[in-house]
Amino acid sequence: MSARKKLSEKTIPREPSAHVRRKQDRRRSDILDAAAAVFAERGYFSASMKDIADRLGMQPGSLYHYYPSKEAALEDMCRRSAIEFCEALRAIHAKGGKAQAMVREGMLAHLTSKRRAYVEVFAFSRRNLPPGIVDDLSRAGIKAFGPSAAAARLEGSKGFTKDLCRANAIPTAAYERFSD
């Protein structure tokens, strides 16, 4: 067997073992917990990947192995939070009882979540989620409200907003559009 063939066989990525996957999942959870705490303390826009890494005692570059950006961490955090909350609500509903008691228990579950920082971040930072999170949650069977990916692109377009303001004589800062 040639050295070239041996080298190419060694570079083929293989699936991580169950042990490694569990370890990676725990690390992702640790990162999300740290990110939630940092976002809750500093605010989403004031927080950085370095702040999250410092909280964990990691090098900032190591975080990128798990999340390519703080936006990706926020998206995963909100997705996990929504899924966990929906699972709690489904369990409450499955037990049955009076509607008022179930609503009260659901609200209490939300307000006393073990991931309190996640709830706070979701409440105050979900507007920073990337387009499509509502579509993703809907595909997962979780009813969600908010803009679809298409609506979020429209809503999040600064150029669109500026053009709308200009067309309707709404005061806004001066701007120009440039293209190469």
Protein backbone atom coordinates (compact mmCIF):
# COMPACT_ATOMS: atom_id res chain seq x y z
CA MET A 1 0.00 0.00 0.00
CA SER A 2 1.47 3.37 -0.95
CA ALA A 3 2.16 6.12 1.58
CA ARG A 4 -0.28 8.35 -0.30
CA LYS A 5 -3.13 5.86 0.13
CA LYS A 6 -2.34 5.42 3.85
CA LEU A 7 -2.38 9.19 4.29
CA SER A 8 -5.71 9.58 2.49
CA GLU A 9 -7.27 6.83 4.63
CA LYS A 10 -6.16 8.65 7.76
CA THR A 11 -7.72 11.94 6.68
CA ILE A 12 -11.22 10.56 6.14
CA PRO A 13 -13.31 11.94 8.98
CA ARG A 14 -15.09 9.33 11.02
CA GLU A 15 -18.07 9.59 13.26
CA PRO A 16 -17.20 10.36 16.87
CA SER A 17 -17.85 7.62 19.40
CA ALA A 18 -20.86 7.81 21.71
CA HIS A 19 -18.53 8.85 24.54
CA VAL A 20 -17.09 11.70 22.49
CA ARG A 21 -20.57 12.84 21.38
CA ARG A 22 -21.74 12.95 25.02
CA LYS A 23 -18.66 14.94 25.96
CA GLN A 24 -19.27 17.38 23.08
CA ASP A 25 -22.94 17.73 24.07
CA ARG A 26 -21.95 18.50 27.67
CA ARG A 27 -19.47 21.10 26.43
CA ARG A 28 -22.12 22.69 24.19
CA SER A 29 -24.46 22.89 27.20
CA ASP A 30 -21.71 24.48 29.29
CA ILE A 31 -21.07 27.01 26.53
CA LEU A 32 -24.76 27.84 26.24
CA ASP A 33 -25.08 28.23 30.01
CA ALA A 34 -22.09 30.60 30.02
CA ALA A 35 -23.42 32.49 26.98
CA ALA A 36 -26.84 32.87 28.62
CA ALA A 37 -25.26 34.27 31.78
CA VAL A 38 -23.05 36.68 29.81
CA PHE A 39 -25.93 37.81 27.55
CA ALA A 40 -28.17 38.33 30.61
CA GLU A 41 -25.50 40.32 32.46
CA ARG A 42 -24.02 42.39 29.65
CA GLY A 43 -26.73 42.37 27.01
CA TYR A 44 -26.48 40.52 23.74
CA PHE A 45 -24.80 43.30 21.75
CA SER A 46 -22.25 44.08 24.48
CA ALA A 47 -21.27 40.43 24.90
CA SER A 48 -18.51 38.81 22.87
CA MET A 49 -17.28 35.30 22.26
CA LYS A 50 -14.25 36.27 24.37
CA ASP A 51 -16.55 37.09 27.32
CA ILE A 52 -18.15 33.66 26.99
CA ALA A 53 -14.75 31.95 26.73
CA ASP A 54 -13.46 33.86 29.78
CA ARG A 55 -16.47 32.67 31.79
CA LEU A 56 -15.50 29.09 30.93
CA GLY A 57 -11.74 29.51 31.26
CA MET A 58 -11.34 28.64 27.58
CA GLN A 59 -9.52 30.23 24.70
CA PRO A 60 -11.99 32.16 22.51
CA GLY A 61 -10.89 30.21 19.44
CA SER A 62 -11.98 26.96 21.10
CA LEU A 63 -15.59 28.14 21.14
CA TYR A 64 -15.67 28.27 17.37
CA HIS A 65 -15.34 24.49 17.29
CA TYR A 66 -18.82 24.37 18.82
CA TYR A 67 -20.48 27.59 17.58
CA PRO A 68 -19.34 29.69 14.61
CA SER A 69 -20.70 32.91 16.18
CA LYS A 70 -22.57 34.30 19.15
CA GLU A 71 -25.61 34.45 16.85
CA ALA A 72 -25.41 30.67 16.41
CA ALA A 73 -25.14 30.22 20.18
CA LEU A 74 -28.16 32.48 20.71
CA GLU A 75 -30.13 30.53 18.11
CA ASP A 76 -29.31 27.18 19.73
CA MET A 77 -30.04 28.59 23.20
CA CYS A 78 -33.46 29.86 22.18
CA ARG A 79 -34.26 26.69 20.25
CA ARG A 80 -33.35 24.49 23.23
CA SER A 81 -35.24 26.75 25.61
CA ALA A 82 -38.37 26.66 23.44
CA ILE A 83 -38.21 22.88 23.06
CA GLU A 84 -37.72 22.32 26.81
CA PHE A 85 -40.57 24.69 27.65
CA CYS A 86 -42.89 23.00 25.13
CA GLU A 87 -42.01 19.60 26.58
CA ALA A 88 -42.86 20.90 30.07
CA LEU A 89 -46.19 22.25 28.78
CA ARG A 90 -46.98 18.95 27.07
CA ALA A 91 -46.33 17.10 30.34
CA ILE A 92 -48.61 19.51 32.23
CA HIS A 93 -51.31 19.09 29.61
CA ALA A 94 -50.99 15.28 29.68
CA LYS A 95 -51.66 15.26 33.45
CA GLY A 96 -54.94 17.01 32.80
CA GLY A 97 -56.91 19.08 35.21
CA LYS A 98 -58.66 22.41 35.20
CA ALA A 99 -57.47 24.82 32.51
CA GLN A 100 -56.75 27.57 35.04
CA ALA A 101 -54.54 25.24 37.09
CA MET A 102 -52.67 24.04 34.00
CA VAL A 103 -52.06 27.62 32.84
CA ARG A 104 -50.82 28.54 36.31
CA GLU A 105 -48.51 25.51 36.39
CA GLY A 106 -47.21 26.36 32.92
CA MET A 107 -46.48 29.94 33.91
CA LEU A 108 -44.77 28.77 37.09
CA ALA A 109 -42.66 26.29 35.12
CA HIS A 110 -41.59 29.11 32.81
CA LEU A 111 -40.80 31.57 35.59
CA THR A 112 -38.93 29.06 37.76
CA SER A 113 -37.02 27.36 34.97
CA LYS A 114 -33.67 25.88 35.96
CA ARG A 115 -32.36 27.79 32.94
CA ARG A 116 -33.53 31.18 34.18
CA ALA A 117 -30.87 33.02 32.18
CA TYR A 118 -32.14 31.29 29.01
CA VAL A 119 -35.64 32.60 29.69
CA GLU A 120 -34.30 36.12 30.23
CA VAL A 121 -32.17 36.00 27.09
CA PHE A 122 -35.08 34.61 25.06
CA ALA A 123 -37.36 37.36 26.34
CA PHE A 124 -34.96 40.21 25.62
CA SER A 125 -32.74 38.97 22.77
CA ARG A 126 -34.93 36.85 20.53
CA ARG A 127 -35.31 39.76 18.13
CA ASN A 128 -31.62 39.18 17.31
CA LEU A 129 -32.25 35.63 16.17
CA PRO A 130 -31.30 34.80 12.63
CA PRO A 131 -34.07 34.58 10.08
CA GLY A 132 -35.77 31.22 9.97
CA ILE A 133 -35.90 30.23 13.65
CA VAL A 134 -39.71 30.36 13.60
CA ASP A 135 -39.70 28.19 10.47
CA ASP A 136 -37.34 25.70 12.19
CA LEU A 137 -39.48 25.52 15.33
CA SER A 138 -42.63 25.05 13.26
CA ARG A 139 -41.02 22.18 11.36
CA ALA A 140 -40.16 20.62 14.75
CA GLY A 141 -43.86 20.71 15.67
CA ILE A 142 -43.54 23.68 18.01
CA LYS A 143 -46.01 26.46 17.43
CA ALA A 144 -44.12 29.72 17.38
CA PHE A 145 -44.91 33.28 16.52
CA GLY A 146 -42.62 35.76 14.89
CA PRO A 147 -41.41 36.51 11.43
CA SER A 148 -40.71 33.76 8.93
CA ALA A 149 -37.31 33.73 7.25
CA ALA A 150 -38.67 35.76 4.34
CA ALA A 151 -40.35 38.30 6.61
CA ALA A 152 -37.25 38.60 8.80
CA ARG A 153 -35.08 39.35 5.77
CA LEU A 154 -37.50 42.08 4.76
CA GLU A 155 -37.80 43.38 8.32
CA GLY A 156 -34.05 43.29 8.90
CA SER A 157 -33.03 45.07 5.73
CA LYS A 158 -31.63 48.48 6.56
CA GLY A 159 -31.69 49.42 2.89
CA PHE A 160 -35.37 48.52 2.63
CA THR A 161 -36.18 50.63 5.69
CA LYS A 162 -34.16 53.59 4.43
CA ASP A 163 -35.79 53.39 1.01
CA LEU A 164 -39.22 53.23 2.65
CA CYS A 165 -38.43 56.28 4.79
CA ARG A 166 -37.15 58.23 1.78
CA ALA A 167 -40.16 57.30 -0.37
CA ASN A 168 -42.58 58.42 2.36
CA ALA A 169 -40.72 61.57 3.47
CA ILE A 170 -40.00 60.07 6.89
CA PRO A 171 -36.99 61.80 8.50
CA THR A 172 -33.94 59.55 8.77
CA ALA A 173 -30.18 59.92 8.68
CA ALA A 174 -28.63 60.53 5.28
CA TYR A 175 -27.56 57.44 3.36
CA GLU A 176 -26.53 56.23 -0.05
CA ARG A 177 -26.46 52.85 -1.72
CA PHE A 178 -23.24 51.74 -3.34
CA SER A 179 -22.44 48.93 -5.72
CA ASP A 180 -19.20 47.88 -7.38
